[in-house]
Amino acid sequence: MTEKREYIQKNVVAEDSGTVLRRVRCVIKQGGRTILDKDLEKKGNVFAAEVREVREGSGYSVWMYGYSTSAYCFVSSFQGGISVEKGKITDVCLTWHPFEPELCRPALDAVVDSSSVTFAWRTVPCAQSYYLEVDNNDNFTSPSLSRSVADTSYTWNTENYKGTFYWRVTCRYDRGFGDKSNTGSFSIHYSG
């Protein structure tokens, strides 16, 4: 009853940046059970993995994390809802997405005239959580706020803060971080 499952990733260049992938990590799961979690071998321009110990069934998911020469994941991909049929090879082709949040609000150089500000960013496929940083200098040496966030927004009480602030978000996954987002800025002018 053991079935063959094959995964082949044919794109080794992240199309948005042109950066060549040096390493790809692949995670295959069925529900909460991990089937494969390893770095894939690069053969020519293809990263590939073949998994033979897969049961017939549904609910399989594939996560891919692409790395350049840095330790940070810069592209990712995900596909869920995969079914494996007895006697058939299941091919999965994924599209790379930047592993970097896109900031939504507050808008760049926004003026906040209230007792709180809500930060929001776009969902990143494969991200398990996010790390939000807010500082009064753009090098983030002593953040006023640094916290792990499970969702794509966070509301911060600004009653004790005034002036210009900078913010950024980093994706997190089970083995590390992605690239940091662009830096946003806003000014707090709340007088209570």
N, C-alpha and C. Protein backbone atom coordinates (compact mmCIF):
# COMPACT_ATOMS: atom_id res chain seq x y z
N MET A 1 0.81 -1.20 0.00
CA MET A 1 0.00 0.00 0.00
C MET A 1 0.85 1.27 0.00
N THR A 2 2.14 1.14 -0.13
CA THR A 2 3.00 2.31 -0.19
C THR A 2 2.94 2.90 -1.60
N GLU A 3 2.72 4.20 -1.68
CA GLU A 3 2.60 4.87 -2.98
C GLU A 3 3.79 5.78 -3.19
N LYS A 4 4.05 6.09 -4.44
CA LYS A 4 5.15 6.98 -4.80
C LYS A 4 4.60 8.40 -4.92
N ARG A 5 5.29 9.34 -4.33
CA ARG A 5 4.94 10.75 -4.47
C ARG A 5 6.20 11.47 -4.91
N GLU A 6 6.09 12.28 -5.92
CA GLU A 6 7.25 12.97 -6.45
C GLU A 6 6.99 14.47 -6.45
N TYR A 7 8.01 15.21 -6.06
CA TYR A 7 7.92 16.67 -6.09
C TYR A 7 9.10 17.17 -6.89
N ILE A 8 8.85 18.01 -7.86
CA ILE A 8 9.94 18.62 -8.63
C ILE A 8 9.69 20.11 -8.71
N GLN A 9 10.66 20.90 -8.28
CA GLN A 9 10.59 22.35 -8.40
C GLN A 9 11.49 22.74 -9.55
N LYS A 10 10.93 23.31 -10.62
CA LYS A 10 11.70 23.61 -11.82
C LYS A 10 12.26 25.03 -11.83
N ASN A 11 11.66 25.95 -11.08
CA ASN A 11 12.14 27.33 -11.06
C ASN A 11 13.16 27.51 -9.96
N VAL A 12 14.41 27.78 -10.32
CA VAL A 12 15.43 28.02 -9.31
C VAL A 12 15.85 29.47 -9.28
N VAL A 13 15.19 30.30 -10.06
CA VAL A 13 15.45 31.73 -10.05
C VAL A 13 14.17 32.42 -9.60
N ALA A 14 14.28 33.24 -8.58
CA ALA A 14 13.11 34.00 -8.12
C ALA A 14 12.85 35.09 -9.14
N GLU A 15 11.72 35.04 -9.82
CA GLU A 15 11.47 35.92 -10.94
C GLU A 15 11.40 37.39 -10.57
N ASP A 16 10.99 37.70 -9.36
CA ASP A 16 10.86 39.11 -8.99
C ASP A 16 12.22 39.77 -8.75
N SER A 17 13.23 39.03 -8.36
CA SER A 17 14.51 39.65 -8.03
C SER A 17 15.67 39.16 -8.88
N GLY A 18 15.50 38.03 -9.56
CA GLY A 18 16.59 37.48 -10.35
C GLY A 18 17.67 36.84 -9.51
N THR A 19 17.45 36.67 -8.21
CA THR A 19 18.44 36.06 -7.34
C THR A 19 18.40 34.55 -7.49
N VAL A 20 19.56 33.95 -7.70
CA VAL A 20 19.63 32.50 -7.88
C VAL A 20 19.53 31.82 -6.52
N LEU A 21 18.69 30.80 -6.46
CA LEU A 21 18.57 30.04 -5.23
C LEU A 21 19.78 29.14 -5.04
N ARG A 22 20.32 29.12 -3.83
CA ARG A 22 21.44 28.25 -3.49
C ARG A 22 20.97 27.03 -2.73
N ARG A 23 19.84 27.17 -2.04
CA ARG A 23 19.34 26.09 -1.21
C ARG A 23 17.83 26.18 -1.14
N VAL A 24 17.17 25.03 -1.15
CA VAL A 24 15.71 24.97 -1.02
C VAL A 24 15.37 23.94 0.04
N ARG A 25 14.54 24.34 0.99
CA ARG A 25 14.06 23.42 2.01
C ARG A 25 12.62 23.07 1.68
N CYS A 26 12.28 21.81 1.77
CA CYS A 26 10.94 21.32 1.44
C CYS A 26 10.34 20.63 2.66
N VAL A 27 9.07 20.96 2.93
CA VAL A 27 8.33 20.31 4.01
C VAL A 27 7.04 19.78 3.41
N ILE A 28 6.80 18.48 3.56
CA ILE A 28 5.56 17.86 3.11
C ILE A 28 4.86 17.29 4.32
N LYS A 29 3.58 17.64 4.46
CA LYS A 29 2.80 17.17 5.62
C LYS A 29 1.46 16.63 5.15
N GLN A 30 0.92 15.73 5.96
CA GLN A 30 -0.47 15.31 5.82
C GLN A 30 -1.09 15.55 7.18
N GLY A 31 -1.98 16.54 7.24
CA GLY A 31 -2.51 16.95 8.54
C GLY A 31 -1.36 17.42 9.42
N GLY A 32 -1.24 16.87 10.61
CA GLY A 32 -0.15 17.23 11.51
C GLY A 32 1.08 16.35 11.39
N ARG A 33 1.04 15.37 10.49
CA ARG A 33 2.15 14.42 10.34
C ARG A 33 3.13 14.91 9.27
N THR A 34 4.41 15.05 9.65
CA THR A 34 5.43 15.47 8.70
C THR A 34 5.94 14.26 7.94
N ILE A 35 5.88 14.34 6.61
CA ILE A 35 6.33 13.27 5.74
C ILE A 35 7.78 13.50 5.31
N LEU A 36 8.12 14.77 5.03
CA LEU A 36 9.46 15.13 4.58
C LEU A 36 9.78 16.50 5.13
N ASP A 37 11.00 16.69 5.61
CA ASP A 37 11.49 17.99 6.07
C ASP A 37 12.99 17.99 5.85
N LYS A 38 13.42 18.46 4.68
CA LYS A 38 14.85 18.43 4.38
C LYS A 38 15.21 19.42 3.29
N ASP A 39 16.50 19.70 3.21
CA ASP A 39 17.02 20.49 2.11
C ASP A 39 17.06 19.60 0.88
N LEU A 40 16.64 20.16 -0.25
CA LEU A 40 16.63 19.39 -1.49
C LEU A 40 17.97 19.47 -2.19
N GLU A 41 18.28 18.43 -2.93
CA GLU A 41 19.50 18.41 -3.72
C GLU A 41 19.28 19.19 -5.00
N LYS A 42 20.30 19.93 -5.41
CA LYS A 42 20.22 20.66 -6.66
C LYS A 42 20.91 19.83 -7.73
N LYS A 43 20.17 19.49 -8.77
CA LYS A 43 20.70 18.73 -9.89
C LYS A 43 20.54 19.58 -11.14
N GLY A 44 21.63 20.19 -11.58
CA GLY A 44 21.54 21.15 -12.69
C GLY A 44 20.79 22.37 -12.21
N ASN A 45 19.67 22.67 -12.85
CA ASN A 45 18.84 23.80 -12.45
C ASN A 45 17.56 23.37 -11.75
N VAL A 46 17.53 22.14 -11.23
CA VAL A 46 16.31 21.61 -10.63
C VAL A 46 16.59 21.16 -9.20
N PHE A 47 15.71 21.56 -8.29
CA PHE A 47 15.70 21.02 -6.94
C PHE A 47 14.61 19.96 -6.92
N ALA A 48 14.92 18.77 -6.44
CA ALA A 48 13.92 17.71 -6.50
C ALA A 48 13.96 16.83 -5.26
N ALA A 49 12.81 16.25 -4.96
CA ALA A 49 12.68 15.27 -3.89
C ALA A 49 11.68 14.23 -4.33
N GLU A 50 11.96 13.01 -4.01
CA GLU A 50 11.03 11.93 -4.27
C GLU A 50 10.74 11.23 -2.96
N VAL A 51 9.48 11.10 -2.65
CA VAL A 51 9.08 10.48 -1.39
C VAL A 51 8.24 9.26 -1.74
N ARG A 52 8.69 8.09 -1.31
CA ARG A 52 7.99 6.86 -1.65
C ARG A 52 7.05 6.38 -0.55
N GLU A 53 7.31 6.76 0.67
CA GLU A 53 6.50 6.27 1.80
C GLU A 53 5.31 7.18 2.07
N VAL A 54 4.44 7.31 1.09
CA VAL A 54 3.26 8.16 1.23
C VAL A 54 2.03 7.29 1.05
N ARG A 55 1.09 7.47 1.94
CA ARG A 55 -0.16 6.70 1.88
C ARG A 55 -1.15 7.36 0.92
N GLU A 56 -1.98 6.56 0.31
CA GLU A 56 -3.06 7.09 -0.51
C GLU A 56 -3.96 7.93 0.40
N GLY A 57 -4.38 9.09 -0.10
CA GLY A 57 -5.25 9.92 0.71
C GLY A 57 -5.21 11.37 0.29
N SER A 58 -5.86 12.21 1.08
CA SER A 58 -5.93 13.64 0.79
C SER A 58 -5.38 14.43 1.97
N GLY A 59 -5.37 15.73 1.82
CA GLY A 59 -4.93 16.59 2.91
C GLY A 59 -3.42 16.79 2.99
N TYR A 60 -2.71 16.50 1.90
CA TYR A 60 -1.27 16.73 1.87
C TYR A 60 -0.99 18.20 1.57
N SER A 61 0.10 18.72 2.13
CA SER A 61 0.54 20.10 1.90
C SER A 61 2.03 20.11 1.64
N VAL A 62 2.48 21.04 0.79
CA VAL A 62 3.90 21.20 0.48
C VAL A 62 4.28 22.66 0.75
N TRP A 63 5.33 22.85 1.55
CA TRP A 63 5.93 24.16 1.80
C TRP A 63 7.33 24.15 1.22
N MET A 64 7.72 25.25 0.58
CA MET A 64 9.08 25.40 0.06
C MET A 64 9.64 26.73 0.57
N TYR A 65 10.90 26.70 0.97
CA TYR A 65 11.60 27.90 1.42
C TYR A 65 12.88 28.01 0.61
N GLY A 66 13.04 29.13 -0.12
CA GLY A 66 14.22 29.32 -0.96
C GLY A 66 15.20 30.30 -0.34
N TYR A 67 16.46 29.96 -0.40
CA TYR A 67 17.53 30.77 0.19
C TYR A 67 18.54 31.15 -0.88
N SER A 68 19.07 32.37 -0.78
CA SER A 68 20.21 32.74 -1.61
C SER A 68 21.45 32.41 -0.79
N THR A 69 22.46 33.24 -0.81
CA THR A 69 23.66 32.95 -0.02
C THR A 69 23.48 33.32 1.45
N SER A 70 22.45 34.10 1.76
CA SER A 70 22.24 34.49 3.16
C SER A 70 21.52 33.38 3.91
N ALA A 71 21.45 33.53 5.20
CA ALA A 71 20.75 32.55 6.04
C ALA A 71 19.25 32.80 6.05
N TYR A 72 18.82 33.95 5.50
CA TYR A 72 17.41 34.30 5.51
C TYR A 72 16.69 33.74 4.30
N CYS A 73 15.50 33.24 4.54
CA CYS A 73 14.62 32.78 3.48
C CYS A 73 14.12 34.01 2.73
N PHE A 74 14.22 34.04 1.41
CA PHE A 74 13.75 35.22 0.70
C PHE A 74 12.59 34.93 -0.25
N VAL A 75 12.31 33.67 -0.53
CA VAL A 75 11.11 33.32 -1.28
C VAL A 75 10.48 32.08 -0.65
N SER A 76 9.19 31.94 -0.83
CA SER A 76 8.51 30.78 -0.27
C SER A 76 7.37 30.39 -1.19
N SER A 77 6.84 29.21 -0.95
CA SER A 77 5.73 28.73 -1.75
C SER A 77 4.94 27.72 -0.93
N PHE A 78 3.67 27.58 -1.24
CA PHE A 78 2.81 26.67 -0.50
C PHE A 78 1.71 26.16 -1.40
N GLN A 79 1.37 24.89 -1.24
CA GLN A 79 0.18 24.34 -1.86
C GLN A 79 -0.42 23.32 -0.91
N GLY A 80 -1.68 23.45 -0.64
CA GLY A 80 -2.38 22.52 0.22
C GLY A 80 -3.46 21.79 -0.55
N GLY A 81 -4.18 20.92 0.15
CA GLY A 81 -5.27 20.21 -0.47
C GLY A 81 -4.85 19.23 -1.55
N ILE A 82 -3.67 18.65 -1.41
CA ILE A 82 -3.15 17.72 -2.42
C ILE A 82 -3.63 16.31 -2.10
N SER A 83 -4.07 15.59 -3.12
CA SER A 83 -4.51 14.20 -2.96
C SER A 83 -3.53 13.27 -3.68
N VAL A 84 -3.30 12.11 -3.09
CA VAL A 84 -2.43 11.09 -3.66
C VAL A 84 -3.29 9.87 -3.96
N GLU A 85 -3.20 9.40 -5.21
CA GLU A 85 -3.99 8.23 -5.61
C GLU A 85 -3.08 7.02 -5.79
N LYS A 86 -3.62 5.87 -5.46
CA LYS A 86 -2.89 4.61 -5.58
C LYS A 86 -2.48 4.39 -7.03
N GLY A 87 -1.18 4.06 -7.21
CA GLY A 87 -0.66 3.73 -8.53
C GLY A 87 -0.35 4.92 -9.41
N LYS A 88 -0.46 6.15 -8.90
CA LYS A 88 -0.19 7.35 -9.70
C LYS A 88 0.89 8.20 -9.05
N ILE A 89 1.66 8.87 -9.89
CA ILE A 89 2.65 9.84 -9.41
C ILE A 89 1.94 11.18 -9.29
N THR A 90 2.15 11.86 -8.18
CA THR A 90 1.55 13.17 -7.97
C THR A 90 2.64 14.22 -8.15
N ASP A 91 2.51 15.04 -9.19
CA ASP A 91 3.44 16.14 -9.43
C ASP A 91 2.87 17.41 -8.82
N VAL A 92 3.72 18.20 -8.19
CA VAL A 92 3.31 19.47 -7.60
C VAL A 92 4.24 20.54 -8.12
N CYS A 93 3.69 21.55 -8.75
CA CYS A 93 4.48 22.69 -9.23
C CYS A 93 4.03 23.93 -8.47
N LEU A 94 4.97 24.63 -7.90
CA LEU A 94 4.66 25.77 -7.05
C LEU A 94 5.22 27.06 -7.63
N THR A 95 4.61 28.17 -7.25
CA THR A 95 5.07 29.50 -7.65
C THR A 95 5.75 30.17 -6.47
N TRP A 96 6.91 30.75 -6.71
CA TRP A 96 7.64 31.45 -5.64
C TRP A 96 6.99 32.78 -5.33
N HIS A 97 6.95 33.13 -4.05
CA HIS A 97 6.47 34.42 -3.57
C HIS A 97 7.55 35.02 -2.69
N PRO A 98 7.77 36.35 -2.76
CA PRO A 98 8.75 36.96 -1.85
C PRO A 98 8.36 36.66 -0.41
N PHE A 99 9.33 36.27 0.42
CA PHE A 99 9.08 35.97 1.82
C PHE A 99 9.35 37.23 2.63
N GLU A 100 8.58 38.26 2.30
CA GLU A 100 8.77 39.58 2.88
C GLU A 100 7.43 40.27 2.91
N PRO A 101 6.99 40.73 4.07
CA PRO A 101 5.69 41.39 4.16
C PRO A 101 5.65 42.71 3.40
N GLU A 102 4.48 43.03 2.86
CA GLU A 102 4.25 44.32 2.25
C GLU A 102 3.43 45.15 3.24
N LEU A 103 3.96 46.30 3.64
CA LEU A 103 3.29 47.14 4.63
C LEU A 103 2.07 47.81 4.02
N CYS A 104 0.96 47.85 4.78
CA CYS A 104 -0.28 48.47 4.29
C CYS A 104 -0.62 49.77 5.02
N ARG A 105 -0.62 49.71 6.35
CA ARG A 105 -0.93 50.92 7.10
C ARG A 105 -0.24 50.88 8.45
N PRO A 106 0.12 52.02 9.03
CA PRO A 106 -0.19 53.34 8.52
C PRO A 106 0.57 53.63 7.23
N ALA A 107 -0.01 54.51 6.41
CA ALA A 107 0.63 54.90 5.16
C ALA A 107 1.96 55.59 5.45
N LEU A 108 2.84 55.57 4.49
CA LEU A 108 4.15 56.20 4.64
C LEU A 108 3.97 57.67 5.00
N ASP A 109 4.65 58.10 6.05
CA ASP A 109 4.62 59.48 6.56
C ASP A 109 3.24 59.93 7.06
N ALA A 110 2.42 58.98 7.47
CA ALA A 110 1.09 59.32 8.02
C ALA A 110 1.24 60.07 9.33
N VAL A 111 0.23 60.86 9.65
CA VAL A 111 0.17 61.57 10.93
C VAL A 111 -0.91 60.89 11.77
N VAL A 112 -0.52 60.43 12.98
CA VAL A 112 -1.45 59.76 13.89
C VAL A 112 -1.86 60.76 14.96
N ASP A 113 -3.16 61.05 15.02
CA ASP A 113 -3.69 61.98 16.02
C ASP A 113 -4.73 61.27 16.87
N SER A 114 -4.33 60.11 17.41
CA SER A 114 -5.23 59.34 18.28
C SER A 114 -4.37 58.60 19.30
N SER A 115 -5.03 57.93 20.22
CA SER A 115 -4.30 57.25 21.30
C SER A 115 -3.76 55.88 20.89
N SER A 116 -3.98 55.48 19.63
CA SER A 116 -3.44 54.20 19.16
C SER A 116 -3.22 54.25 17.65
N VAL A 117 -2.39 53.35 17.18
CA VAL A 117 -2.17 53.20 15.75
C VAL A 117 -2.25 51.70 15.44
N THR A 118 -2.90 51.37 14.33
CA THR A 118 -2.99 49.99 13.91
C THR A 118 -2.05 49.76 12.74
N PHE A 119 -1.15 48.81 12.91
CA PHE A 119 -0.23 48.40 11.85
C PHE A 119 -0.87 47.24 11.10
N ALA A 120 -0.76 47.24 9.79
CA ALA A 120 -1.30 46.14 8.98
C ALA A 120 -0.37 45.87 7.81
N TRP A 121 -0.27 44.60 7.44
CA TRP A 121 0.57 44.18 6.32
C TRP A 121 -0.09 43.01 5.63
N ARG A 122 0.34 42.72 4.41
CA ARG A 122 -0.26 41.64 3.63
C ARG A 122 0.26 40.28 4.11
N THR A 123 -0.61 39.28 4.02
CA THR A 123 -0.26 37.91 4.37
C THR A 123 0.84 37.41 3.45
N VAL A 124 1.79 36.67 4.00
CA VAL A 124 2.85 36.06 3.22
C VAL A 124 2.65 34.54 3.27
N PRO A 125 2.52 33.89 2.09
CA PRO A 125 2.37 32.43 2.10
C PRO A 125 3.51 31.77 2.85
N CYS A 126 3.23 30.78 3.64
CA CYS A 126 4.19 29.99 4.42
C CYS A 126 4.63 30.65 5.72
N ALA A 127 4.30 31.91 5.94
CA ALA A 127 4.68 32.54 7.21
C ALA A 127 3.84 31.94 8.33
N GLN A 128 4.49 31.62 9.43
CA GLN A 128 3.78 31.07 10.58
C GLN A 128 3.43 32.15 11.59
N SER A 129 4.20 33.22 11.59
CA SER A 129 3.91 34.40 12.40
C SER A 129 4.76 35.54 11.86
N TYR A 130 4.66 36.68 12.50
CA TYR A 130 5.39 37.87 12.05
C TYR A 130 6.05 38.52 13.26
N TYR A 131 7.10 39.29 13.00
CA TYR A 131 7.79 40.00 14.06
C TYR A 131 7.73 41.49 13.72
N LEU A 132 7.05 42.26 14.56
CA LEU A 132 6.82 43.69 14.35
C LEU A 132 7.79 44.49 15.21
N GLU A 133 8.43 45.49 14.59
CA GLU A 133 9.33 46.39 15.32
C GLU A 133 8.94 47.84 15.03
N VAL A 134 8.92 48.66 16.08
CA VAL A 134 8.66 50.09 15.97
C VAL A 134 9.74 50.81 16.76
N ASP A 135 10.35 51.83 16.15
CA ASP A 135 11.44 52.54 16.83
C ASP A 135 11.40 54.01 16.42
N ASN A 136 12.02 54.86 17.22
CA ASN A 136 12.08 56.28 16.88
C ASN A 136 13.33 56.61 16.05
N ASN A 137 14.08 55.59 15.66
CA ASN A 137 15.17 55.79 14.69
C ASN A 137 15.11 54.66 13.67
N ASP A 138 15.55 54.96 12.46
CA ASP A 138 15.38 54.01 11.37
C ASP A 138 16.38 52.86 11.35
N ASN A 139 17.30 52.79 12.33
CA ASN A 139 18.20 51.64 12.42
C ASN A 139 17.75 50.62 13.47
N PHE A 140 16.65 50.91 14.16
CA PHE A 140 15.99 49.97 15.08
C PHE A 140 16.93 49.44 16.17
N THR A 141 17.76 50.34 16.73
CA THR A 141 18.69 49.91 17.78
C THR A 141 18.04 49.75 19.14
N SER A 142 16.95 50.50 19.39
CA SER A 142 16.27 50.38 20.69
C SER A 142 14.76 50.51 20.46
N PRO A 143 14.14 49.46 19.94
CA PRO A 143 12.72 49.54 19.58
C PRO A 143 11.81 49.87 20.77
N SER A 144 10.84 50.74 20.50
CA SER A 144 9.80 51.04 21.48
C SER A 144 8.81 49.89 21.56
N LEU A 145 8.70 49.15 20.46
CA LEU A 145 7.82 47.98 20.39
C LEU A 145 8.52 46.91 19.56
N SER A 146 8.62 45.72 20.10
CA SER A 146 9.11 44.56 19.34
C SER A 146 8.35 43.35 19.85
N ARG A 147 7.59 42.74 18.94
CA ARG A 147 6.72 41.66 19.41
C ARG A 147 6.38 40.71 18.27
N SER A 148 6.19 39.46 18.66
CA SER A 148 5.72 38.44 17.73
C SER A 148 4.21 38.58 17.60
N VAL A 149 3.72 38.52 16.36
CA VAL A 149 2.30 38.69 16.09
C VAL A 149 1.83 37.54 15.21
N ALA A 150 0.74 36.90 15.61
CA ALA A 150 0.23 35.75 14.84
C ALA A 150 -0.56 36.18 13.62
N ASP A 151 -1.15 37.35 13.65
CA ASP A 151 -2.01 37.82 12.57
C ASP A 151 -1.28 38.85 11.71
N THR A 152 -1.99 39.52 10.80
CA THR A 152 -1.37 40.51 9.93
C THR A 152 -1.71 41.94 10.34
N SER A 153 -2.03 42.13 11.60
CA SER A 153 -2.24 43.48 12.12
C SER A 153 -1.99 43.49 13.62
N TYR A 154 -1.71 44.69 14.11
CA TYR A 154 -1.48 44.86 15.54
C TYR A 154 -1.79 46.31 15.89
N THR A 155 -2.51 46.54 17.00
CA THR A 155 -2.82 47.89 17.46
C THR A 155 -1.95 48.22 18.66
N TRP A 156 -1.29 49.39 18.58
CA TRP A 156 -0.33 49.84 19.59
C TRP A 156 -0.87 51.09 20.28
N ASN A 157 -0.83 51.12 21.61
CA ASN A 157 -1.25 52.28 22.39
C ASN A 157 -0.14 53.33 22.31
N THR A 158 -0.47 54.51 21.77
CA THR A 158 0.54 55.55 21.55
C THR A 158 0.44 56.72 22.53
N GLU A 159 -0.34 56.58 23.61
CA GLU A 159 -0.56 57.70 24.54
C GLU A 159 0.74 58.27 25.11
N ASN A 160 1.75 57.44 25.30
CA ASN A 160 3.00 57.91 25.91
C ASN A 160 4.10 58.21 24.89
N TYR A 161 3.73 58.34 23.62
CA TYR A 161 4.74 58.54 22.57
C TYR A 161 4.38 59.75 21.71
N LYS A 162 5.42 60.45 21.27
CA LYS A 162 5.27 61.58 20.35
C LYS A 162 6.47 61.60 19.41
N GLY A 163 6.27 62.17 18.23
CA GLY A 163 7.36 62.32 17.29
C GLY A 163 7.26 61.34 16.12
N THR A 164 8.37 61.21 15.40
CA THR A 164 8.43 60.35 14.22
C THR A 164 8.89 58.96 14.62
N PHE A 165 8.23 57.96 14.07
CA PHE A 165 8.56 56.56 14.33
C PHE A 165 8.69 55.79 13.02
N TYR A 166 9.44 54.72 13.09
CA TYR A 166 9.67 53.84 11.93
C TYR A 166 9.20 52.45 12.31
N TRP A 167 8.72 51.69 11.31
CA TRP A 167 8.24 50.34 11.60
C TRP A 167 8.57 49.40 10.45
N ARG A 168 8.73 48.14 10.83
CA ARG A 168 9.00 47.10 9.84
C ARG A 168 8.48 45.76 10.39
N VAL A 169 8.33 44.81 9.49
CA VAL A 169 7.80 43.50 9.84
C VAL A 169 8.68 42.43 9.19
N THR A 170 8.92 41.35 9.92
CA THR A 170 9.69 40.21 9.41
C THR A 170 8.84 38.96 9.52
N CYS A 171 8.85 38.13 8.48
CA CYS A 171 8.14 36.84 8.53
C CYS A 171 8.93 35.86 9.38
N ARG A 172 8.21 35.01 10.09
CA ARG A 172 8.84 33.94 10.85
C ARG A 172 8.27 32.61 10.38
N TYR A 173 9.11 31.60 10.40
CA TYR A 173 8.67 30.24 10.16
C TYR A 173 9.41 29.36 11.14
N ASP A 174 9.18 28.07 11.12
CA ASP A 174 9.68 27.21 12.21
C ASP A 174 11.19 27.18 12.36
N ARG A 175 11.94 27.57 11.36
CA ARG A 175 13.41 27.53 11.48
C ARG A 175 14.10 28.87 11.33
N GLY A 176 13.35 29.95 11.39
CA GLY A 176 14.03 31.23 11.29
C GLY A 176 13.15 32.35 10.78
N PHE A 177 13.78 33.31 10.11
CA PHE A 177 13.13 34.52 9.65
C PHE A 177 13.30 34.69 8.15
N GLY A 178 12.39 35.44 7.55
CA GLY A 178 12.53 35.87 6.17
C GLY A 178 13.19 37.23 6.15
N ASP A 179 13.16 37.87 4.98
CA ASP A 179 13.71 39.21 4.87
C ASP A 179 12.80 40.21 5.56
N LYS A 180 13.38 41.31 6.00
CA LYS A 180 12.59 42.37 6.63
C LYS A 180 11.83 43.12 5.54
N SER A 181 10.67 43.65 5.90
CA SER A 181 9.90 44.47 4.97
C SER A 181 10.64 45.78 4.72
N ASN A 182 10.13 46.57 3.80
CA ASN A 182 10.60 47.94 3.68
C ASN A 182 10.27 48.64 4.99
N THR A 183 10.92 49.74 5.27
CA THR A 183 10.65 50.49 6.49
C THR A 183 9.58 51.54 6.24
N GLY A 184 8.57 51.53 7.09
CA GLY A 184 7.53 52.55 7.04
C GLY A 184 7.81 53.62 8.09
N SER A 185 7.18 54.78 7.93
CA SER A 185 7.36 55.84 8.93
C SER A 185 6.02 56.54 9.15
N PHE A 186 5.86 57.10 10.34
CA PHE A 186 4.66 57.86 10.70
C PHE A 186 5.01 58.76 11.85
N SER A 187 4.16 59.76 12.07
CA SER A 187 4.38 60.71 13.18
C SER A 187 3.19 60.67 14.12
N ILE A 188 3.48 60.71 15.41
CA ILE A 188 2.43 60.73 16.43
C ILE A 188 2.30 62.15 16.96
N HIS A 189 1.07 62.71 16.84
CA HIS A 189 0.80 64.07 17.33
C HIS A 189 -0.45 64.05 18.20
N TYR A 190 -0.57 63.05 19.05
CA TYR A 190 -1.74 62.92 19.92
C TYR A 190 -1.54 63.79 21.16
N SER A 191 -2.54 64.60 21.48
CA SER A 191 -2.41 65.48 22.64
C SER A 191 -3.34 65.08 23.79
N GLY A 192 -4.11 64.04 23.60
CA GLY A 192 -4.95 63.52 24.67
C GLY A 192 -6.13 64.33 24.89
